[in-house]
Amino acid sequence: MKLRKDFIVHDTGKETMLVATGKAKFSGIVKGNKMLGNVLELLKNDTTEAQMVKTLREQYDAPQGKIEADVHRVVTELKKIGAIDG
């Protein structure tokens, strides 16, 4: 799966925003924390949930189950708004 080109990622330093362009079916902004930013960064290249969990486990000191749940929740929401292919 990969982030669609109809969306732009903006990091303010304190929060991450995913902004839909005029070409996207979704109209709005998604705001989130650094974890969202890291997931979106990984989605700039074709990846899987399992690969994202593995990479994020190396960055965060959190239980694997927590990271898996967070990544799954983010991916599910991004699919709902049409922000990712795959």
N, C-alpha and C. Protein backbone atom coordinates (compact mmCIF):
# COMPACT_ATOMS: atom_id res chain seq x y z
N MET A 1 0.84 -1.18 0.00
CA MET A 1 0.00 0.00 0.00
C MET A 1 0.88 1.24 0.00
N LYS A 2 0.29 2.32 -0.48
CA LYS A 2 1.07 3.54 -0.63
C LYS A 2 0.14 4.76 -0.53
N LEU A 3 0.67 5.86 -0.02
CA LEU A 3 -0.09 7.10 0.09
C LEU A 3 -0.40 7.62 -1.30
N ARG A 4 -1.65 8.00 -1.53
CA ARG A 4 -2.05 8.54 -2.84
C ARG A 4 -1.47 9.94 -3.03
N LYS A 5 -1.25 10.30 -4.27
CA LYS A 5 -0.67 11.60 -4.60
C LYS A 5 -1.68 12.73 -4.42
N ASP A 6 -2.94 12.39 -4.15
CA ASP A 6 -3.99 13.39 -3.92
C ASP A 6 -3.94 13.96 -2.50
N PHE A 7 -2.95 13.54 -1.71
CA PHE A 7 -2.82 13.98 -0.33
C PHE A 7 -1.41 14.51 -0.07
N ILE A 8 -1.34 15.56 0.74
CA ILE A 8 -0.07 16.18 1.08
C ILE A 8 0.14 16.07 2.58
N VAL A 9 1.34 15.69 2.99
CA VAL A 9 1.68 15.59 4.40
C VAL A 9 2.39 16.86 4.83
N HIS A 10 1.94 17.41 5.96
CA HIS A 10 2.58 18.61 6.51
C HIS A 10 2.87 18.36 7.99
N ASP A 11 4.11 18.57 8.38
CA ASP A 11 4.53 18.38 9.78
C ASP A 11 4.84 19.74 10.37
N THR A 12 4.12 20.11 11.43
CA THR A 12 4.34 21.41 12.07
C THR A 12 5.41 21.34 13.15
N GLY A 13 5.87 20.14 13.46
CA GLY A 13 6.81 19.96 14.55
C GLY A 13 6.12 19.45 15.80
N LYS A 14 4.86 19.85 15.99
CA LYS A 14 4.08 19.37 17.13
C LYS A 14 2.99 18.40 16.71
N GLU A 15 2.52 18.54 15.47
CA GLU A 15 1.51 17.63 14.97
C GLU A 15 1.72 17.43 13.46
N THR A 16 1.12 16.37 12.98
CA THR A 16 1.20 16.06 11.56
C THR A 16 -0.19 16.23 10.97
N MET A 17 -0.22 16.80 9.76
CA MET A 17 -1.50 16.98 9.08
C MET A 17 -1.42 16.32 7.71
N LEU A 18 -2.51 15.68 7.34
CA LEU A 18 -2.67 15.11 6.02
C LEU A 18 -3.75 15.94 5.34
N VAL A 19 -3.40 16.59 4.26
CA VAL A 19 -4.30 17.53 3.59
C VAL A 19 -4.69 16.96 2.23
N ALA A 20 -6.00 16.92 1.99
CA ALA A 20 -6.50 16.44 0.71
C ALA A 20 -6.40 17.56 -0.32
N THR A 21 -5.94 17.22 -1.52
CA THR A 21 -5.91 18.20 -2.61
C THR A 21 -7.29 18.24 -3.27
N GLY A 22 -7.46 19.12 -4.20
CA GLY A 22 -8.74 19.23 -4.90
C GLY A 22 -9.11 18.00 -5.70
N LYS A 23 -8.14 17.15 -6.01
CA LYS A 23 -8.39 15.94 -6.79
C LYS A 23 -8.89 14.78 -5.94
N ALA A 24 -8.75 14.86 -4.65
CA ALA A 24 -9.16 13.78 -3.76
C ALA A 24 -10.67 13.79 -3.57
N LYS A 25 -11.25 12.61 -3.38
CA LYS A 25 -12.69 12.51 -3.09
C LYS A 25 -12.98 13.02 -1.69
N PHE A 26 -12.04 12.82 -0.76
CA PHE A 26 -12.16 13.30 0.61
C PHE A 26 -11.86 14.79 0.62
N SER A 27 -12.62 15.52 1.40
CA SER A 27 -12.39 16.95 1.50
C SER A 27 -12.14 17.28 2.97
N GLY A 28 -10.91 17.61 3.29
CA GLY A 28 -10.62 17.95 4.68
C GLY A 28 -9.17 17.73 5.04
N ILE A 29 -8.94 17.78 6.35
CA ILE A 29 -7.61 17.63 6.92
C ILE A 29 -7.67 16.58 8.02
N VAL A 30 -6.66 15.73 8.07
CA VAL A 30 -6.51 14.76 9.15
C VAL A 30 -5.34 15.23 10.00
N LYS A 31 -5.58 15.41 11.30
CA LYS A 31 -4.52 15.83 12.22
C LYS A 31 -4.15 14.67 13.13
N GLY A 32 -2.85 14.59 13.45
CA GLY A 32 -2.41 13.53 14.34
C GLY A 32 -1.07 13.85 14.96
N ASN A 33 -0.60 12.88 15.73
CA ASN A 33 0.66 13.04 16.45
C ASN A 33 1.84 12.54 15.63
N LYS A 34 2.97 12.42 16.27
CA LYS A 34 4.20 11.98 15.60
C LYS A 34 4.06 10.57 15.03
N MET A 35 3.31 9.71 15.71
CA MET A 35 3.11 8.35 15.22
C MET A 35 2.42 8.39 13.85
N LEU A 36 1.40 9.24 13.70
CA LEU A 36 0.75 9.39 12.41
C LEU A 36 1.77 9.87 11.37
N GLY A 37 2.58 10.82 11.75
CA GLY A 37 3.60 11.32 10.84
C GLY A 37 4.56 10.24 10.39
N ASN A 38 4.95 9.37 11.31
CA ASN A 38 5.86 8.27 10.96
C ASN A 38 5.18 7.28 10.02
N VAL A 39 3.92 6.98 10.28
CA VAL A 39 3.18 6.07 9.40
C VAL A 39 3.06 6.68 8.00
N LEU A 40 2.70 7.96 7.94
CA LEU A 40 2.57 8.62 6.64
C LEU A 40 3.91 8.66 5.90
N GLU A 41 4.98 8.87 6.62
CA GLU A 41 6.31 8.87 6.01
C GLU A 41 6.61 7.49 5.40
N LEU A 42 6.27 6.44 6.13
CA LEU A 42 6.50 5.08 5.62
C LEU A 42 5.62 4.79 4.40
N LEU A 43 4.44 5.40 4.36
CA LEU A 43 3.52 5.19 3.25
C LEU A 43 3.90 5.95 1.98
N LYS A 44 4.95 6.75 2.04
CA LYS A 44 5.42 7.42 0.83
C LYS A 44 6.01 6.40 -0.15
N ASN A 45 6.41 5.25 0.39
CA ASN A 45 6.90 4.13 -0.42
C ASN A 45 5.96 2.96 -0.21
N ASP A 46 5.90 2.08 -1.19
CA ASP A 46 5.03 0.91 -1.08
C ASP A 46 5.47 0.07 0.11
N THR A 47 4.53 -0.26 0.99
CA THR A 47 4.85 -1.00 2.21
C THR A 47 3.64 -1.82 2.66
N THR A 48 3.81 -2.56 3.73
CA THR A 48 2.72 -3.34 4.32
C THR A 48 2.59 -2.94 5.79
N GLU A 49 1.48 -3.34 6.39
CA GLU A 49 1.31 -3.08 7.83
C GLU A 49 2.42 -3.74 8.62
N ALA A 50 2.75 -4.97 8.27
CA ALA A 50 3.79 -5.70 9.00
C ALA A 50 5.14 -4.99 8.91
N GLN A 51 5.47 -4.47 7.73
CA GLN A 51 6.73 -3.76 7.57
C GLN A 51 6.73 -2.47 8.40
N MET A 52 5.58 -1.78 8.43
CA MET A 52 5.49 -0.55 9.23
C MET A 52 5.65 -0.85 10.71
N VAL A 53 5.01 -1.90 11.19
CA VAL A 53 5.11 -2.28 12.60
C VAL A 53 6.56 -2.58 12.94
N LYS A 54 7.24 -3.33 12.08
CA LYS A 54 8.65 -3.68 12.32
C LYS A 54 9.51 -2.42 12.42
N THR A 55 9.33 -1.49 11.50
CA THR A 55 10.11 -0.25 11.51
C THR A 55 9.80 0.59 12.74
N LEU A 56 8.53 0.70 13.09
CA LEU A 56 8.15 1.53 14.24
C LEU A 56 8.57 0.90 15.56
N ARG A 57 8.66 -0.42 15.63
CA ARG A 57 9.15 -1.08 16.84
C ARG A 57 10.59 -0.67 17.12
N GLU A 58 11.34 -0.39 16.07
CA GLU A 58 12.73 0.04 16.23
C GLU A 58 12.82 1.49 16.72
N GLN A 59 11.77 2.27 16.50
CA GLN A 59 11.76 3.68 16.87
C GLN A 59 11.10 3.95 18.22
N TYR A 60 10.15 3.12 18.60
CA TYR A 60 9.38 3.36 19.83
C TYR A 60 9.58 2.25 20.84
N ASP A 61 9.62 2.62 22.09
CA ASP A 61 9.69 1.65 23.17
C ASP A 61 8.26 1.39 23.65
N ALA A 62 7.56 0.57 22.89
CA ALA A 62 6.16 0.24 23.20
C ALA A 62 5.93 -1.23 22.86
N PRO A 63 4.96 -1.83 23.52
CA PRO A 63 4.67 -3.24 23.21
C PRO A 63 4.25 -3.40 21.74
N GLN A 64 4.65 -4.51 21.16
CA GLN A 64 4.33 -4.76 19.75
C GLN A 64 2.83 -4.71 19.51
N GLY A 65 2.04 -5.25 20.43
CA GLY A 65 0.58 -5.23 20.27
C GLY A 65 0.01 -3.83 20.18
N LYS A 66 0.58 -2.90 20.94
CA LYS A 66 0.14 -1.51 20.91
C LYS A 66 0.47 -0.88 19.56
N ILE A 67 1.67 -1.11 19.09
CA ILE A 67 2.08 -0.56 17.79
C ILE A 67 1.24 -1.17 16.67
N GLU A 68 1.01 -2.48 16.72
CA GLU A 68 0.18 -3.14 15.71
C GLU A 68 -1.22 -2.54 15.68
N ALA A 69 -1.79 -2.33 16.86
CA ALA A 69 -3.14 -1.75 16.94
C ALA A 69 -3.18 -0.33 16.40
N ASP A 70 -2.18 0.47 16.75
CA ASP A 70 -2.12 1.86 16.27
C ASP A 70 -1.97 1.91 14.75
N VAL A 71 -1.07 1.12 14.22
CA VAL A 71 -0.85 1.11 12.77
C VAL A 71 -2.12 0.64 12.06
N HIS A 72 -2.74 -0.40 12.57
CA HIS A 72 -3.97 -0.92 11.95
C HIS A 72 -5.08 0.14 11.96
N ARG A 73 -5.21 0.84 13.08
CA ARG A 73 -6.24 1.89 13.19
C ARG A 73 -5.99 3.00 12.18
N VAL A 74 -4.74 3.43 12.07
CA VAL A 74 -4.39 4.50 11.12
C VAL A 74 -4.65 4.04 9.69
N VAL A 75 -4.19 2.84 9.34
CA VAL A 75 -4.38 2.32 7.98
C VAL A 75 -5.86 2.20 7.65
N THR A 76 -6.65 1.70 8.58
CA THR A 76 -8.09 1.56 8.37
C THR A 76 -8.74 2.91 8.09
N GLU A 77 -8.39 3.92 8.88
CA GLU A 77 -8.96 5.25 8.67
C GLU A 77 -8.50 5.87 7.36
N LEU A 78 -7.24 5.68 7.01
CA LEU A 78 -6.73 6.22 5.75
C LEU A 78 -7.39 5.55 4.55
N LYS A 79 -7.68 4.26 4.66
CA LYS A 79 -8.40 3.56 3.59
C LYS A 79 -9.81 4.12 3.45
N LYS A 80 -10.46 4.40 4.57
CA LYS A 80 -11.84 4.92 4.54
C LYS A 80 -11.94 6.23 3.78
N ILE A 81 -10.92 7.06 3.89
CA ILE A 81 -10.97 8.37 3.21
C ILE A 81 -10.30 8.33 1.83
N GLY A 82 -9.82 7.17 1.44
CA GLY A 82 -9.20 7.02 0.13
C GLY A 82 -7.80 7.60 0.02
N ALA A 83 -7.09 7.66 1.15
CA ALA A 83 -5.76 8.26 1.16
C ALA A 83 -4.65 7.28 0.78
N ILE A 84 -4.94 5.98 0.80
CA ILE A 84 -3.91 5.01 0.43
C ILE A 84 -4.46 4.02 -0.59
N ASP A 85 -3.57 3.59 -1.45
CA ASP A 85 -3.86 2.54 -2.41
C ASP A 85 -3.37 1.22 -1.83
N GLY A 86 -4.13 0.18 -2.08
CA GLY A 86 -3.65 -1.13 -1.66
C GLY A 86 -4.32 -1.70 -0.47
